[in-house]
Amino acid sequence: MSDLAKMLKDYRLTTAEILYHLPDHPHFLQTYVWQDYDIAPKFPVLKQFLDFWEENLDGPLHSVRMTSTRLIHPSELRFCQEFVLH
């Protein structure tokens, strides 16, 4: 699905700041920034990514901070019709 099609289906640009413990030094935290289109308020794409992280990566999650915004608002969509005058 194209990015425009996702935006028209109410996908929102979602950014997550993920703090995780380094596998070799568990007292140190590292930051990872994730960004993708997702559907609020359940955020299934982000949840799927975090599930993948917990199952496959060694660095245990510390915290996730996220924000989400609509890129196209209904008031910004306008339909126009072209008229041809002779």
PDB file of N, CA and C in Angstrom:
ATOM      1  N   MET A   1       0.853  -1.165   0.000  1.00  0.00           N
ATOM      2  CA  MET A   1       0.000   0.000   0.000  1.00  0.00           C
ATOM      3  C   MET A   1       0.907   1.239   0.000  1.00  0.00           C
ATOM      4  N   SER A   2       0.587   2.231  -0.801  1.00  0.00           N
ATOM      5  CA  SER A   2       1.409   3.432  -0.864  1.00  0.00           C
ATOM      6  C   SER A   2       1.204   4.284   0.384  1.00  0.00           C
ATOM      7  N   ASP A   3       2.145   5.201   0.617  1.00  0.00           N
ATOM      8  CA  ASP A   3       2.048   6.069   1.791  1.00  0.00           C
ATOM      9  C   ASP A   3       0.796   6.934   1.742  1.00  0.00           C
ATOM     10  N   LEU A   4       0.447   7.458   0.573  1.00  0.00           N
ATOM     11  CA  LEU A   4      -0.754   8.276   0.447  1.00  0.00           C
ATOM     12  C   LEU A   4      -2.002   7.461   0.744  1.00  0.00           C
ATOM     13  N   ALA A   5      -2.064   6.235   0.252  1.00  0.00           N
ATOM     14  CA  ALA A   5      -3.223   5.378   0.527  1.00  0.00           C
ATOM     15  C   ALA A   5      -3.338   5.099   2.022  1.00  0.00           C
ATOM     16  N   LYS A   6      -2.206   4.904   2.687  1.00  0.00           N
ATOM     17  CA  LYS A   6      -2.243   4.689   4.135  1.00  0.00           C
ATOM     18  C   LYS A   6      -2.761   5.923   4.858  1.00  0.00           C
ATOM     19  N   MET A   7      -2.294   7.110   4.436  1.00  0.00           N
ATOM     20  CA  MET A   7      -2.734   8.343   5.096  1.00  0.00           C
ATOM     21  C   MET A   7      -4.230   8.561   4.920  1.00  0.00           C
ATOM     22  N   LEU A   8      -4.758   8.205   3.747  1.00  0.00           N
ATOM     23  CA  LEU A   8      -6.189   8.365   3.515  1.00  0.00           C
ATOM     24  C   LEU A   8      -7.013   7.359   4.309  1.00  0.00           C
ATOM     25  N   LYS A   9      -6.409   6.251   4.731  1.00  0.00           N
ATOM     26  CA  LYS A   9      -7.096   5.260   5.561  1.00  0.00           C
ATOM     27  C   LYS A   9      -6.833   5.491   7.045  1.00  0.00           C
ATOM     28  N   ASP A  10      -6.445   6.719   7.401  1.00  0.00           N
ATOM     29  CA  ASP A  10      -6.244   7.171   8.785  1.00  0.00           C
ATOM     30  C   ASP A  10      -5.003   6.579   9.451  1.00  0.00           C
ATOM     31  N   TYR A  11      -4.035   6.134   8.667  1.00  0.00           N
ATOM     32  CA  TYR A  11      -2.744   5.805   9.248  1.00  0.00           C
ATOM     33  C   TYR A  11      -2.087   7.109   9.651  1.00  0.00           C
ATOM     34  N   ARG A  12      -1.294   7.084  10.697  1.00  0.00           N
ATOM     35  CA  ARG A  12      -0.617   8.275  11.177  1.00  0.00           C
ATOM     36  C   ARG A  12       0.875   8.024  11.246  1.00  0.00           C
ATOM     37  N   LEU A  13       1.637   9.068  11.040  1.00  0.00           N
ATOM     38  CA  LEU A  13       3.075   8.951  11.204  1.00  0.00           C
ATOM     39  C   LEU A  13       3.366   8.801  12.686  1.00  0.00           C
ATOM     40  N   THR A  14       3.941   7.695  13.058  1.00  0.00           N
ATOM     41  CA  THR A  14       4.207   7.367  14.456  1.00  0.00           C
ATOM     42  C   THR A  14       5.707   7.268  14.671  1.00  0.00           C
ATOM     43  N   THR A  15       6.169   7.946  15.705  1.00  0.00           N
ATOM     44  CA  THR A  15       7.580   7.919  16.064  1.00  0.00           C
ATOM     45  C   THR A  15       7.696   7.406  17.490  1.00  0.00           C
ATOM     46  N   ALA A  16       8.595   6.460  17.702  1.00  0.00           N
ATOM     47  CA  ALA A  16       8.805   5.890  19.036  1.00  0.00           C
ATOM     48  C   ALA A  16      10.284   5.997  19.403  1.00  0.00           C
ATOM     49  N   GLU A  17      10.539   6.471  20.612  1.00  0.00           N
ATOM     50  CA  GLU A  17      11.897   6.469  21.162  1.00  0.00           C
ATOM     51  C   GLU A  17      11.979   5.269  22.098  1.00  0.00           C
ATOM     52  N   ILE A  18      12.825   4.323  21.752  1.00  0.00           N
ATOM     53  CA  ILE A  18      12.929   3.077  22.500  1.00  0.00           C
ATOM     54  C   ILE A  18      14.241   3.087  23.283  1.00  0.00           C
ATOM     55  N   LEU A  19      14.141   2.962  24.596  1.00  0.00           N
ATOM     56  CA  LEU A  19      15.325   2.824  25.433  1.00  0.00           C
ATOM     57  C   LEU A  19      15.462   1.355  25.793  1.00  0.00           C
ATOM     58  N   TYR A  20      16.686   0.839  25.632  1.00  0.00           N
ATOM     59  CA  TYR A  20      16.909  -0.575  25.941  1.00  0.00           C
ATOM     60  C   TYR A  20      18.262  -0.740  26.625  1.00  0.00           C
ATOM     61  N   HIS A  21      18.393  -1.817  27.391  1.00  0.00           N
ATOM     62  CA  HIS A  21      19.628  -2.135  28.089  1.00  0.00           C
ATOM     63  C   HIS A  21      20.603  -2.799  27.127  1.00  0.00           C
ATOM     64  N   LEU A  22      21.858  -2.390  27.178  1.00  0.00           N
ATOM     65  CA  LEU A  22      22.872  -3.046  26.358  1.00  0.00           C
ATOM     66  C   LEU A  22      23.082  -4.464  26.870  1.00  0.00           C
ATOM     67  N   PRO A  23      23.160  -5.446  25.985  1.00  0.00           N
ATOM     68  CA  PRO A  23      23.305  -6.838  26.426  1.00  0.00           C
ATOM     69  C   PRO A  23      24.571  -7.088  27.250  1.00  0.00           C
ATOM     70  N   ASP A  24      25.692  -6.494  26.862  1.00  0.00           N
ATOM     71  CA  ASP A  24      26.953  -6.718  27.579  1.00  0.00           C
ATOM     72  C   ASP A  24      27.120  -5.837  28.809  1.00  0.00           C
ATOM     73  N   HIS A  25      26.402  -4.720  28.860  1.00  0.00           N
ATOM     74  CA  HIS A  25      26.492  -3.770  29.973  1.00  0.00           C
ATOM     75  C   HIS A  25      25.071  -3.387  30.388  1.00  0.00           C
ATOM     76  N   PRO A  26      24.395  -4.202  31.168  1.00  0.00           N
ATOM     77  CA  PRO A  26      22.976  -3.992  31.459  1.00  0.00           C
ATOM     78  C   PRO A  26      22.656  -2.708  32.233  1.00  0.00           C
ATOM     79  N   HIS A  27      23.675  -2.047  32.805  1.00  0.00           N
ATOM     80  CA  HIS A  27      23.411  -0.798  33.524  1.00  0.00           C
ATOM     81  C   HIS A  27      23.407   0.407  32.591  1.00  0.00           C
ATOM     82  N   PHE A  28      23.782   0.220  31.332  1.00  0.00           N
ATOM     83  CA  PHE A  28      23.787   1.298  30.351  1.00  0.00           C
ATOM     84  C   PHE A  28      22.561   1.186  29.452  1.00  0.00           C
ATOM     85  N   LEU A  29      22.011   2.357  29.098  1.00  0.00           N
ATOM     86  CA  LEU A  29      20.862   2.397  28.203  1.00  0.00           C
ATOM     87  C   LEU A  29      21.278   2.943  26.842  1.00  0.00           C
ATOM     88  N   GLN A  30      20.676   2.410  25.816  1.00  0.00           N
ATOM     89  CA  GLN A  30      20.903   2.866  24.448  1.00  0.00           C
ATOM     90  C   GLN A  30      19.555   3.315  23.896  1.00  0.00           C
ATOM     91  N   THR A  31      19.571   4.278  22.969  1.00  0.00           N
ATOM     92  CA  THR A  31      18.347   4.793  22.367  1.00  0.00           C
ATOM     93  C   THR A  31      18.226   4.303  20.934  1.00  0.00           C
ATOM     94  N   TYR A  32      17.004   3.934  20.548  1.00  0.00           N
ATOM     95  CA  TYR A  32      16.698   3.568  19.171  1.00  0.00           C
ATOM     96  C   TYR A  32      15.433   4.340  18.785  1.00  0.00           C
ATOM     97  N   VAL A  33      15.449   5.001  17.634  1.00  0.00           N
ATOM     98  CA  VAL A  33      14.276   5.742  17.175  1.00  0.00           C
ATOM     99  C   VAL A  33      13.636   4.964  16.026  1.00  0.00           C
ATOM    100  N   TRP A  34      12.350   4.679  16.158  1.00  0.00           N
ATOM    101  CA  TRP A  34      11.576   3.923  15.170  1.00  0.00           C
ATOM    102  C   TRP A  34      10.509   4.847  14.607  1.00  0.00           C
ATOM    103  N   GLN A  35      10.266   4.768  13.302  1.00  0.00           N
ATOM    104  CA  GLN A  35       9.230   5.594  12.691  1.00  0.00           C
ATOM    105  C   GLN A  35       8.575   4.828  11.552  1.00  0.00           C
ATOM    106  N   ASP A  36       7.238   4.847  11.540  1.00  0.00           N
ATOM    107  CA  ASP A  36       6.477   4.170  10.495  1.00  0.00           C
ATOM    108  C   ASP A  36       5.046   4.697  10.540  1.00  0.00           C
ATOM    109  N   TYR A  37       4.245   4.313   9.550  1.00  0.00           N
ATOM    110  CA  TYR A  37       2.827   4.653   9.559  1.00  0.00           C
ATOM    111  C   TYR A  37       2.084   3.592  10.361  1.00  0.00           C
ATOM    112  N   ASP A  38       1.172   4.061  11.235  1.00  0.00           N
ATOM    113  CA  ASP A  38       0.457   3.147  12.116  1.00  0.00           C
ATOM    114  C   ASP A  38      -0.944   3.689  12.360  1.00  0.00           C
ATOM    115  N   ILE A  39      -1.808   2.857  12.931  1.00  0.00           N
ATOM    116  CA  ILE A  39      -3.202   3.227  13.184  1.00  0.00           C
ATOM    117  C   ILE A  39      -3.395   3.460  14.679  1.00  0.00           C
ATOM    118  N   ALA A  40      -3.814   4.674  15.026  1.00  0.00           N
ATOM    119  CA  ALA A  40      -4.106   4.997  16.425  1.00  0.00           C
ATOM    120  C   ALA A  40      -5.500   4.492  16.757  1.00  0.00           C
ATOM    121  N   PRO A  41      -5.819   4.152  17.962  1.00  0.00           N
ATOM    122  CA  PRO A  41      -5.023   4.198  19.190  1.00  0.00           C
ATOM    123  C   PRO A  41      -4.360   2.868  19.545  1.00  0.00           C
ATOM    124  N   LYS A  42      -4.571   1.822  18.739  1.00  0.00           N
ATOM    125  CA  LYS A  42      -4.013   0.508  19.101  1.00  0.00           C
ATOM    126  C   LYS A  42      -2.577   0.305  18.638  1.00  0.00           C
ATOM    127  N   PHE A  43      -2.141   0.996  17.590  1.00  0.00           N
ATOM    128  CA  PHE A  43      -0.776   0.945  17.066  1.00  0.00           C
ATOM    129  C   PHE A  43      -0.288  -0.491  16.833  1.00  0.00           C
ATOM    130  N   PRO A  44      -0.951  -1.227  15.933  1.00  0.00           N
ATOM    131  CA  PRO A  44      -0.554  -2.623  15.702  1.00  0.00           C
ATOM    132  C   PRO A  44       0.831  -2.776  15.078  1.00  0.00           C
ATOM    133  N   VAL A  45       1.259  -1.834  14.256  1.00  0.00           N
ATOM    134  CA  VAL A  45       2.574  -1.946  13.613  1.00  0.00           C
ATOM    135  C   VAL A  45       3.678  -1.797  14.655  1.00  0.00           C
ATOM    136  N   LEU A  46       3.536  -0.830  15.558  1.00  0.00           N
ATOM    137  CA  LEU A  46       4.517  -0.649  16.627  1.00  0.00           C
ATOM    138  C   LEU A  46       4.528  -1.857  17.566  1.00  0.00           C
ATOM    139  N   LYS A  47       3.364  -2.361  17.910  1.00  0.00           N
ATOM    140  CA  LYS A  47       3.301  -3.536  18.787  1.00  0.00           C
ATOM    141  C   LYS A  47       3.974  -4.747  18.136  1.00  0.00           C
ATOM    142  N   GLN A  48       3.765  -4.904  16.839  1.00  0.00           N
ATOM    143  CA  GLN A  48       4.395  -6.019  16.127  1.00  0.00           C
ATOM    144  C   GLN A  48       5.920  -5.863  16.151  1.00  0.00           C
ATOM    145  N   PHE A  49       6.411  -4.640  15.976  1.00  0.00           N
ATOM    146  CA  PHE A  49       7.850  -4.400  16.026  1.00  0.00           C
ATOM    147  C   PHE A  49       8.407  -4.682  17.418  1.00  0.00           C
ATOM    148  N   LEU A  50       7.702  -4.243  18.464  1.00  0.00           N
ATOM    149  CA  LEU A  50       8.175  -4.477  19.829  1.00  0.00           C
ATOM    150  C   LEU A  50       8.138  -5.966  20.186  1.00  0.00           C
ATOM    151  N   ASP A  51       7.140  -6.694  19.692  1.00  0.00           N
ATOM    152  CA  ASP A  51       7.106  -8.148  19.908  1.00  0.00           C
ATOM    153  C   ASP A  51       8.297  -8.821  19.231  1.00  0.00           C
ATOM    154  N   PHE A  52       8.602  -8.381  18.005  1.00  0.00           N
ATOM    155  CA  PHE A  52       9.765  -8.910  17.300  1.00  0.00           C
ATOM    156  C   PHE A  52      11.039  -8.625  18.096  1.00  0.00           C
ATOM    157  N   TRP A  53      11.142  -7.403  18.626  1.00  0.00           N
ATOM    158  CA  TRP A  53      12.325  -7.016  19.412  1.00  0.00           C
ATOM    159  C   TRP A  53      12.509  -7.951  20.602  1.00  0.00           C
ATOM    160  N   GLU A  54      11.439  -8.140  21.370  1.00  0.00           N
ATOM    161  CA  GLU A  54      11.535  -8.963  22.580  1.00  0.00           C
ATOM    162  C   GLU A  54      11.851 -10.419  22.268  1.00  0.00           C
ATOM    163  N   GLU A  55      11.388 -10.930  21.131  1.00  0.00           N
ATOM    164  CA  GLU A  55      11.618 -12.330  20.788  1.00  0.00           C
ATOM    165  C   GLU A  55      12.992 -12.579  20.161  1.00  0.00           C
ATOM    166  N   ASN A  56      13.534 -11.600  19.430  1.00  0.00           N
ATOM    167  CA  ASN A  56      14.720 -11.861  18.612  1.00  0.00           C
ATOM    168  C   ASN A  56      15.974 -11.080  18.977  1.00  0.00           C
ATOM    169  N   LEU A  57      15.868 -10.026  19.743  1.00  0.00           N
ATOM    170  CA  LEU A  57      17.035  -9.203  20.053  1.00  0.00           C
ATOM    171  C   LEU A  57      17.451  -9.385  21.507  1.00  0.00           C
ATOM    172  N   ASP A  58      18.743  -9.192  21.763  1.00  0.00           N
ATOM    173  CA  ASP A  58      19.280  -9.442  23.102  1.00  0.00           C
ATOM    174  C   ASP A  58      19.050  -8.299  24.084  1.00  0.00           C
ATOM    175  N   GLY A  59      18.957  -7.069  23.615  1.00  0.00           N
ATOM    176  CA  GLY A  59      18.823  -5.922  24.518  1.00  0.00           C
ATOM    177  C   GLY A  59      17.418  -5.801  25.066  1.00  0.00           C
ATOM    178  N   PRO A  60      17.232  -6.068  26.383  1.00  0.00           N
ATOM    179  CA  PRO A  60      15.881  -5.966  26.950  1.00  0.00           C
ATOM    180  C   PRO A  60      15.375  -4.519  26.951  1.00  0.00           C
ATOM    181  N   LEU A  61      14.083  -4.359  26.677  1.00  0.00           N
ATOM    182  CA  LEU A  61      13.478  -3.035  26.632  1.00  0.00           C
ATOM    183  C   LEU A  61      13.415  -2.409  28.019  1.00  0.00           C
ATOM    184  N   HIS A  62      13.691  -1.129  28.078  1.00  0.00           N
ATOM    185  CA  HIS A  62      13.547  -0.358  29.313  1.00  0.00           C
ATOM    186  C   HIS A  62      12.249   0.443  29.265  1.00  0.00           C
ATOM    187  N   SER A  63      12.074   1.231  28.193  1.00  0.00           N
ATOM    188  CA  SER A  63      10.863   2.036  28.059  1.00  0.00           C
ATOM    189  C   SER A  63      10.667   2.433  26.599  1.00  0.00           C
ATOM    190  N   VAL A  64       9.421   2.800  26.284  1.00  0.00           N
ATOM    191  CA  VAL A  64       9.075   3.258  24.944  1.00  0.00           C
ATOM    192  C   VAL A  64       8.249   4.528  25.107  1.00  0.00           C
ATOM    193  N   ARG A  65       8.692   5.581  24.425  1.00  0.00           N
ATOM    194  CA  ARG A  65       7.957   6.847  24.427  1.00  0.00           C
ATOM    195  C   ARG A  65       7.582   7.124  22.981  1.00  0.00           C
ATOM    196  N   MET A  66       6.319   7.462  22.736  1.00  0.00           N
ATOM    197  CA  MET A  66       5.881   7.598  21.351  1.00  0.00           C
ATOM    198  C   MET A  66       4.989   8.803  21.159  1.00  0.00           C
ATOM    199  N   THR A  67       4.916   9.219  19.894  1.00  0.00           N
ATOM    200  CA  THR A  67       4.001  10.278  19.492  1.00  0.00           C
ATOM    201  C   THR A  67       3.451   9.923  18.116  1.00  0.00           C
ATOM    202  N   SER A  68       2.298  10.470  17.807  1.00  0.00           N
ATOM    203  CA  SER A  68       1.653  10.149  16.546  1.00  0.00           C
ATOM    204  C   SER A  68       0.872  11.362  16.075  1.00  0.00           C
ATOM    205  N   THR A  69       0.880  11.598  14.772  1.00  0.00           N
ATOM    206  CA  THR A  69       0.131  12.728  14.224  1.00  0.00           C
ATOM    207  C   THR A  69      -0.433  12.378  12.861  1.00  0.00           C
ATOM    208  N   ARG A  70      -1.589  12.935  12.574  1.00  0.00           N
ATOM    209  CA  ARG A  70      -2.186  12.773  11.256  1.00  0.00           C
ATOM    210  C   ARG A  70      -1.462  13.683  10.285  1.00  0.00           C
ATOM    211  N   LEU A  71      -1.228  13.201   9.096  1.00  0.00           N
ATOM    212  CA  LEU A  71      -0.565  14.012   8.086  1.00  0.00           C
ATOM    213  C   LEU A  71      -1.564  14.682   7.149  1.00  0.00           C
ATOM    214  N   ILE A  72      -2.694  14.045   6.928  1.00  0.00           N
ATOM    215  CA  ILE A  72      -3.750  14.634   6.112  1.00  0.00           C
ATOM    216  C   ILE A  72      -5.002  14.696   6.972  1.00  0.00           C
ATOM    217  N   HIS A  73      -5.528  15.892   7.125  1.00  0.00           N
ATOM    218  CA  HIS A  73      -6.750  16.094   7.897  1.00  0.00           C
ATOM    219  C   HIS A  73      -7.931  16.190   6.937  1.00  0.00           C
ATOM    220  N   PRO A  74      -9.117  15.781   7.356  1.00  0.00           N
ATOM    221  CA  PRO A  74     -10.267  15.826   6.458  1.00  0.00           C
ATOM    222  C   PRO A  74     -10.515  17.210   5.859  1.00  0.00           C
ATOM    223  N   SER A  75     -10.255  18.281   6.598  1.00  0.00           N
ATOM    224  CA  SER A  75     -10.499  19.626   6.082  1.00  0.00           C
ATOM    225  C   SER A  75      -9.519  20.002   4.978  1.00  0.00           C
ATOM    226  N   GLU A  76      -8.425  19.279   4.843  1.00  0.00           N
ATOM    227  CA  GLU A  76      -7.441  19.589   3.814  1.00  0.00           C
ATOM    228  C   GLU A  76      -7.766  18.928   2.477  1.00  0.00           C
ATOM    229  N   LEU A  77      -8.684  17.999   2.471  1.00  0.00           N
ATOM    230  CA  LEU A  77      -9.055  17.331   1.230  1.00  0.00           C
ATOM    231  C   LEU A  77     -10.178  18.113   0.568  1.00  0.00           C
ATOM    232  N   ARG A  78      -9.944  18.526  -0.654  1.00  0.00           N
ATOM    233  CA  ARG A  78     -10.954  19.274  -1.391  1.00  0.00           C
ATOM    234  C   ARG A  78     -11.104  18.644  -2.764  1.00  0.00           C
ATOM    235  N   PHE A  79     -12.327  18.517  -3.180  1.00  0.00           N
ATOM    236  CA  PHE A  79     -12.598  18.004  -4.506  1.00  0.00           C
ATOM    237  C   PHE A  79     -12.881  19.188  -5.412  1.00  0.00           C
ATOM    238  N   CYS A  80     -12.279  19.188  -6.547  1.00  0.00           N
ATOM    239  CA  CYS A  80     -12.534  20.277  -7.494  1.00  0.00           C
ATOM    240  C   CYS A  80     -12.869  19.673  -8.846  1.00  0.00           C
ATOM    241  N   GLN A  81     -13.667  20.407  -9.551  1.00  0.00           N
ATOM    242  CA  GLN A  81     -14.105  19.970 -10.862  1.00  0.00           C
ATOM    243  C   GLN A  81     -13.630  20.998 -11.877  1.00  0.00           C
ATOM    244  N   GLU A  82     -13.150  20.536 -13.008  1.00  0.00           N
ATOM    245  CA  GLU A  82     -12.642  21.438 -14.023  1.00  0.00           C
ATOM    246  C   GLU A  82     -13.761  21.806 -14.989  1.00  0.00           C
ATOM    247  N   PHE A  83     -13.903  23.090 -15.221  1.00  0.00           N
ATOM    248  CA  PHE A  83     -14.870  23.572 -16.189  1.00  0.00           C
ATOM    249  C   PHE A  83     -14.125  24.152 -17.378  1.00  0.00           C
ATOM    250  N   VAL A  84     -14.594  23.854 -18.566  1.00  0.00           N
ATOM    251  CA  VAL A  84     -13.987  24.380 -19.779  1.00  0.00           C
ATOM    252  C   VAL A  84     -14.952  25.389 -20.394  1.00  0.00           C
ATOM    253  N   LEU A  85     -14.472  26.608 -20.559  1.00  0.00           N
ATOM    254  CA  LEU A  85     -15.293  27.652 -21.187  1.00  0.00           C
ATOM    255  C   LEU A  85     -14.798  27.882 -22.603  1.00  0.00           C
ATOM    256  N   HIS A  86     -15.694  28.020 -23.541  1.00  0.00           N
ATOM    257  CA  HIS A  86     -15.319  28.250 -24.940  1.00  0.00           C
ATOM    258  C   HIS A  86     -15.136  29.706 -25.194  1.00  0.00           C
TER     259      HIS A  86
END
